[in-house]
Amino acid sequence: MPILIFILLVILVAQIGFWDTFAAVLGAVGVMILLVLLLVLILALTGTWLLRRGRRRF
């Protein structure tokens, strides 16, 4: 699998240039980081909501 990613990166560099490829890869990593942060935020808010809801019953 890593060799396939390497070949795809080589083809991408050959097509659009190194710096554009570098910017695209950094952008993709940034989007993944933002998605992980969004998931953590959603889990934290859901946990807080469930905890407060559970305390009201007792």
PDB file of N, CA and C in Angstrom:
ATOM      1  N   MET A   1       0.804  -1.201   0.000  1.00  0.00           N
ATOM      2  CA  MET A   1       0.000   0.000   0.000  1.00  0.00           C
ATOM      3  C   MET A   1       0.854   1.275   0.000  1.00  0.00           C
ATOM      4  N   PRO A   2       1.927   1.359   0.824  1.00  0.00           N
ATOM      5  CA  PRO A   2       2.744   2.579   0.782  1.00  0.00           C
ATOM      6  C   PRO A   2       3.392   2.819  -0.585  1.00  0.00           C
ATOM      7  N   ILE A   3       3.721   1.753  -1.314  1.00  0.00           N
ATOM      8  CA  ILE A   3       4.322   1.942  -2.635  1.00  0.00           C
ATOM      9  C   ILE A   3       3.311   2.560  -3.596  1.00  0.00           C
ATOM     10  N   LEU A   4       2.044   2.218  -3.436  1.00  0.00           N
ATOM     11  CA  LEU A   4       1.002   2.802  -4.277  1.00  0.00           C
ATOM     12  C   LEU A   4       0.852   4.298  -3.997  1.00  0.00           C
ATOM     13  N   ILE A   5       0.903   4.671  -2.732  1.00  0.00           N
ATOM     14  CA  ILE A   5       0.836   6.092  -2.372  1.00  0.00           C
ATOM     15  C   ILE A   5       2.047   6.828  -2.928  1.00  0.00           C
ATOM     16  N   PHE A   6       3.226   6.224  -2.843  1.00  0.00           N
ATOM     17  CA  PHE A   6       4.440   6.838  -3.378  1.00  0.00           C
ATOM     18  C   PHE A   6       4.335   7.038  -4.889  1.00  0.00           C
ATOM     19  N   ILE A   7       3.837   6.035  -5.596  1.00  0.00           N
ATOM     20  CA  ILE A   7       3.681   6.147  -7.050  1.00  0.00           C
ATOM     21  C   ILE A   7       2.677   7.247  -7.396  1.00  0.00           C
ATOM     22  N   LEU A   8       1.585   7.329  -6.646  1.00  0.00           N
ATOM     23  CA  LEU A   8       0.605   8.392  -6.887  1.00  0.00           C
ATOM     24  C   LEU A   8       1.204   9.776  -6.643  1.00  0.00           C
ATOM     25  N   LEU A   9       2.034   9.908  -5.604  1.00  0.00           N
ATOM     26  CA  LEU A   9       2.685  11.188  -5.352  1.00  0.00           C
ATOM     27  C   LEU A   9       3.663  11.551  -6.458  1.00  0.00           C
ATOM     28  N   VAL A  10       4.401  10.567  -6.970  1.00  0.00           N
ATOM     29  CA  VAL A  10       5.334  10.822  -8.072  1.00  0.00           C
ATOM     30  C   VAL A  10       4.577  11.286  -9.308  1.00  0.00           C
ATOM     31  N   ILE A  11       3.468  10.649  -9.614  1.00  0.00           N
ATOM     32  CA  ILE A  11       2.659  11.053 -10.771  1.00  0.00           C
ATOM     33  C   ILE A  11       2.098  12.456 -10.559  1.00  0.00           C
ATOM     34  N   LEU A  12       1.658  12.750  -9.343  1.00  0.00           N
ATOM     35  CA  LEU A  12       1.123  14.075  -9.045  1.00  0.00           C
ATOM     36  C   LEU A  12       2.195  15.149  -9.193  1.00  0.00           C
ATOM     37  N   VAL A  13       3.415  14.879  -8.716  1.00  0.00           N
ATOM     38  CA  VAL A  13       4.516  15.833  -8.862  1.00  0.00           C
ATOM     39  C   VAL A  13       4.840  16.035 -10.331  1.00  0.00           C
ATOM     40  N   ALA A  14       4.826  14.968 -11.105  1.00  0.00           N
ATOM     41  CA  ALA A  14       5.123  15.082 -12.533  1.00  0.00           C
ATOM     42  C   ALA A  14       4.048  15.886 -13.263  1.00  0.00           C
ATOM     43  N   GLN A  15       2.822  15.811 -12.804  1.00  0.00           N
ATOM     44  CA  GLN A  15       1.729  16.508 -13.483  1.00  0.00           C
ATOM     45  C   GLN A  15       1.646  17.989 -13.118  1.00  0.00           C
ATOM     46  N   ILE A  16       1.694  18.311 -11.848  1.00  0.00           N
ATOM     47  CA  ILE A  16       1.424  19.699 -11.442  1.00  0.00           C
ATOM     48  C   ILE A  16       2.587  20.376 -10.741  1.00  0.00           C
ATOM     49  N   GLY A  17       3.685  19.707 -10.507  1.00  0.00           N
ATOM     50  CA  GLY A  17       4.842  20.335  -9.873  1.00  0.00           C
ATOM     51  C   GLY A  17       4.925  20.035  -8.388  1.00  0.00           C
ATOM     52  N   PHE A  18       6.142  20.234  -7.863  1.00  0.00           N
ATOM     53  CA  PHE A  18       6.413  19.861  -6.475  1.00  0.00           C
ATOM     54  C   PHE A  18       5.638  20.723  -5.486  1.00  0.00           C
ATOM     55  N   TRP A  19       5.700  22.037  -5.641  1.00  0.00           N
ATOM     56  CA  TRP A  19       5.116  22.918  -4.635  1.00  0.00           C
ATOM     57  C   TRP A  19       3.597  22.831  -4.604  1.00  0.00           C
ATOM     58  N   ASP A  20       2.977  22.648  -5.756  1.00  0.00           N
ATOM     59  CA  ASP A  20       1.524  22.468  -5.762  1.00  0.00           C
ATOM     60  C   ASP A  20       1.135  21.150  -5.097  1.00  0.00           C
ATOM     61  N   THR A  21       1.934  20.113  -5.346  1.00  0.00           N
ATOM     62  CA  THR A  21       1.685  18.821  -4.697  1.00  0.00           C
ATOM     63  C   THR A  21       1.882  18.931  -3.192  1.00  0.00           C
ATOM     64  N   PHE A  22       2.943  19.630  -2.794  1.00  0.00           N
ATOM     65  CA  PHE A  22       3.230  19.827  -1.376  1.00  0.00           C
ATOM     66  C   PHE A  22       2.083  20.568  -0.690  1.00  0.00           C
ATOM     67  N   ALA A  23       1.580  21.611  -1.333  1.00  0.00           N
ATOM     68  CA  ALA A  23       0.461  22.374  -0.777  1.00  0.00           C
ATOM     69  C   ALA A  23      -0.799  21.516  -0.696  1.00  0.00           C
ATOM     70  N   ALA A  24      -1.022  20.681  -1.705  1.00  0.00           N
ATOM     71  CA  ALA A  24      -2.201  19.812  -1.697  1.00  0.00           C
ATOM     72  C   ALA A  24      -2.118  18.788  -0.569  1.00  0.00           C
ATOM     73  N   VAL A  25      -0.936  18.210  -0.361  1.00  0.00           N
ATOM     74  CA  VAL A  25      -0.764  17.221   0.712  1.00  0.00           C
ATOM     75  C   VAL A  25      -0.933  17.896   2.072  1.00  0.00           C
ATOM     76  N   LEU A  26      -0.349  19.082   2.247  1.00  0.00           N
ATOM     77  CA  LEU A  26      -0.522  19.799   3.514  1.00  0.00           C
ATOM     78  C   LEU A  26      -1.981  20.175   3.746  1.00  0.00           C
ATOM     79  N   GLY A  27      -2.671  20.555   2.693  1.00  0.00           N
ATOM     80  CA  GLY A  27      -4.090  20.864   2.816  1.00  0.00           C
ATOM     81  C   GLY A  27      -4.899  19.652   3.230  1.00  0.00           C
ATOM     82  N   ALA A  28      -4.580  18.502   2.658  1.00  0.00           N
ATOM     83  CA  ALA A  28      -5.285  17.271   3.014  1.00  0.00           C
ATOM     84  C   ALA A  28      -5.026  16.892   4.470  1.00  0.00           C
ATOM     85  N   VAL A  29      -3.789  17.052   4.918  1.00  0.00           N
ATOM     86  CA  VAL A  29      -3.462  16.763   6.316  1.00  0.00           C
ATOM     87  C   VAL A  29      -4.203  17.732   7.235  1.00  0.00           C
ATOM     88  N   GLY A  30      -4.263  18.995   6.836  1.00  0.00           N
ATOM     89  CA  GLY A  30      -4.995  19.983   7.631  1.00  0.00           C
ATOM     90  C   GLY A  30      -6.469  19.651   7.755  1.00  0.00           C
ATOM     91  N   VAL A  31      -7.068  19.202   6.673  1.00  0.00           N
ATOM     92  CA  VAL A  31      -8.484  18.821   6.703  1.00  0.00           C
ATOM     93  C   VAL A  31      -8.690  17.622   7.621  1.00  0.00           C
ATOM     94  N   MET A  32      -7.789  16.650   7.569  1.00  0.00           N
ATOM     95  CA  MET A  32      -7.910  15.484   8.444  1.00  0.00           C
ATOM     96  C   MET A  32      -7.798  15.892   9.915  1.00  0.00           C
ATOM     97  N   ILE A  33      -6.870  16.807  10.217  1.00  0.00           N
ATOM     98  CA  ILE A  33      -6.721  17.281  11.597  1.00  0.00           C
ATOM     99  C   ILE A  33      -7.994  17.996  12.055  1.00  0.00           C
ATOM    100  N   LEU A  34      -8.555  18.830  11.189  1.00  0.00           N
ATOM    101  CA  LEU A  34      -9.796  19.524  11.548  1.00  0.00           C
ATOM    102  C   LEU A  34     -10.954  18.554  11.757  1.00  0.00           C
ATOM    103  N   LEU A  35     -11.026  17.496  10.951  1.00  0.00           N
ATOM    104  CA  LEU A  35     -12.081  16.501  11.141  1.00  0.00           C
ATOM    105  C   LEU A  35     -11.933  15.772  12.471  1.00  0.00           C
ATOM    106  N   VAL A  36     -10.696  15.444  12.844  1.00  0.00           N
ATOM    107  CA  VAL A  36     -10.460  14.779  14.127  1.00  0.00           C
ATOM    108  C   VAL A  36     -10.844  15.711  15.274  1.00  0.00           C
ATOM    109  N   LEU A  37     -10.468  16.989  15.170  1.00  0.00           N
ATOM    110  CA  LEU A  37     -10.848  17.946  16.211  1.00  0.00           C
ATOM    111  C   LEU A  37     -12.360  18.101  16.309  1.00  0.00           C
ATOM    112  N   LEU A  38     -13.038  18.104  15.171  1.00  0.00           N
ATOM    113  CA  LEU A  38     -14.494  18.190  15.171  1.00  0.00           C
ATOM    114  C   LEU A  38     -15.118  16.967  15.838  1.00  0.00           C
ATOM    115  N   LEU A  39     -14.591  15.783  15.561  1.00  0.00           N
ATOM    116  CA  LEU A  39     -15.092  14.568  16.204  1.00  0.00           C
ATOM    117  C   LEU A  39     -14.882  14.607  17.711  1.00  0.00           C
ATOM    118  N   VAL A  40     -13.713  15.067  18.149  1.00  0.00           N
ATOM    119  CA  VAL A  40     -13.438  15.173  19.583  1.00  0.00           C
ATOM    120  C   VAL A  40     -14.401  16.158  20.231  1.00  0.00           C
ATOM    121  N   LEU A  41     -14.656  17.279  19.567  1.00  0.00           N
ATOM    122  CA  LEU A  41     -15.591  18.269  20.095  1.00  0.00           C
ATOM    123  C   LEU A  41     -17.004  17.702  20.195  1.00  0.00           C
ATOM    124  N   ILE A  42     -17.439  16.985  19.173  1.00  0.00           N
ATOM    125  CA  ILE A  42     -18.774  16.380  19.199  1.00  0.00           C
ATOM    126  C   ILE A  42     -18.880  15.351  20.320  1.00  0.00           C
ATOM    127  N   LEU A  43     -17.844  14.519  20.484  1.00  0.00           N
ATOM    128  CA  LEU A  43     -17.860  13.529  21.565  1.00  0.00           C
ATOM    129  C   LEU A  43     -17.876  14.201  22.934  1.00  0.00           C
ATOM    130  N   ALA A  44     -17.113  15.277  23.099  1.00  0.00           N
ATOM    131  CA  ALA A  44     -17.080  15.977  24.386  1.00  0.00           C
ATOM    132  C   ALA A  44     -18.430  16.611  24.691  1.00  0.00           C
ATOM    133  N   LEU A  45     -19.037  17.250  23.707  1.00  0.00           N
ATOM    134  CA  LEU A  45     -20.346  17.869  23.937  1.00  0.00           C
ATOM    135  C   LEU A  45     -21.422  16.828  24.214  1.00  0.00           C
ATOM    136  N   THR A  46     -21.376  15.710  23.499  1.00  0.00           N
ATOM    137  CA  THR A  46     -22.341  14.638  23.740  1.00  0.00           C
ATOM    138  C   THR A  46     -22.158  14.047  25.132  1.00  0.00           C
ATOM    139  N   GLY A  47     -20.908  13.842  25.536  1.00  0.00           N
ATOM    140  CA  GLY A  47     -20.642  13.321  26.874  1.00  0.00           C
ATOM    141  C   GLY A  47     -21.110  14.261  27.964  1.00  0.00           C
ATOM    142  N   THR A  48     -20.869  15.552  27.776  1.00  0.00           N
ATOM    143  CA  THR A  48     -21.330  16.543  28.751  1.00  0.00           C
ATOM    144  C   THR A  48     -22.850  16.566  28.830  1.00  0.00           C
ATOM    145  N   TRP A  49     -23.501  16.519  27.692  1.00  0.00           N
ATOM    146  CA  TRP A  49     -24.967  16.525  27.651  1.00  0.00           C
ATOM    147  C   TRP A  49     -25.535  15.293  28.348  1.00  0.00           C
ATOM    148  N   LEU A  50     -24.959  14.114  28.072  1.00  0.00           N
ATOM    149  CA  LEU A  50     -25.443  12.887  28.710  1.00  0.00           C
ATOM    150  C   LEU A  50     -25.180  12.897  30.210  1.00  0.00           C
ATOM    151  N   LEU A  51     -24.036  13.447  30.623  1.00  0.00           N
ATOM    152  CA  LEU A  51     -23.719  13.509  32.044  1.00  0.00           C
ATOM    153  C   LEU A  51     -24.693  14.422  32.784  1.00  0.00           C
ATOM    154  N   ARG A  52     -24.995  15.574  32.214  1.00  0.00           N
ATOM    155  CA  ARG A  52     -25.951  16.486  32.851  1.00  0.00           C
ATOM    156  C   ARG A  52     -27.353  15.896  32.860  1.00  0.00           C
ATOM    157  N   ARG A  53     -27.714  15.226  31.799  1.00  0.00           N
ATOM    158  CA  ARG A  53     -29.039  14.612  31.723  1.00  0.00           C
ATOM    159  C   ARG A  53     -29.172  13.491  32.755  1.00  0.00           C
ATOM    160  N   GLY A  54     -28.116  12.722  32.960  1.00  0.00           N
ATOM    161  CA  GLY A  54     -28.143  11.640  33.934  1.00  0.00           C
ATOM    162  C   GLY A  54     -28.196  12.136  35.362  1.00  0.00           C
ATOM    163  N   ARG A  55     -27.578  13.269  35.643  1.00  0.00           N
ATOM    164  CA  ARG A  55     -27.586  13.809  37.009  1.00  0.00           C
ATOM    165  C   ARG A  55     -28.951  14.365  37.395  1.00  0.00           C
ATOM    166  N   ARG A  56     -29.719  14.845  36.446  1.00  0.00           N
ATOM    167  CA  ARG A  56     -31.041  15.405  36.747  1.00  0.00           C
ATOM    168  C   ARG A  56     -32.022  14.341  37.226  1.00  0.00           C
ATOM    169  N   ARG A  57     -31.836  13.131  36.794  1.00  0.00           N
ATOM    170  CA  ARG A  57     -32.786  12.066  37.145  1.00  0.00           C
ATOM    171  C   ARG A  57     -32.646  11.621  38.590  1.00  0.00           C
ATOM    172  N   PHE A  58     -31.476  11.802  39.184  1.00  0.00           N
ATOM    173  CA  PHE A  58     -31.265  11.290  40.544  1.00  0.00           C
ATOM    174  C   PHE A  58     -31.311  12.370  41.578  1.00  0.00           C
TER     175      PHE A  58
END
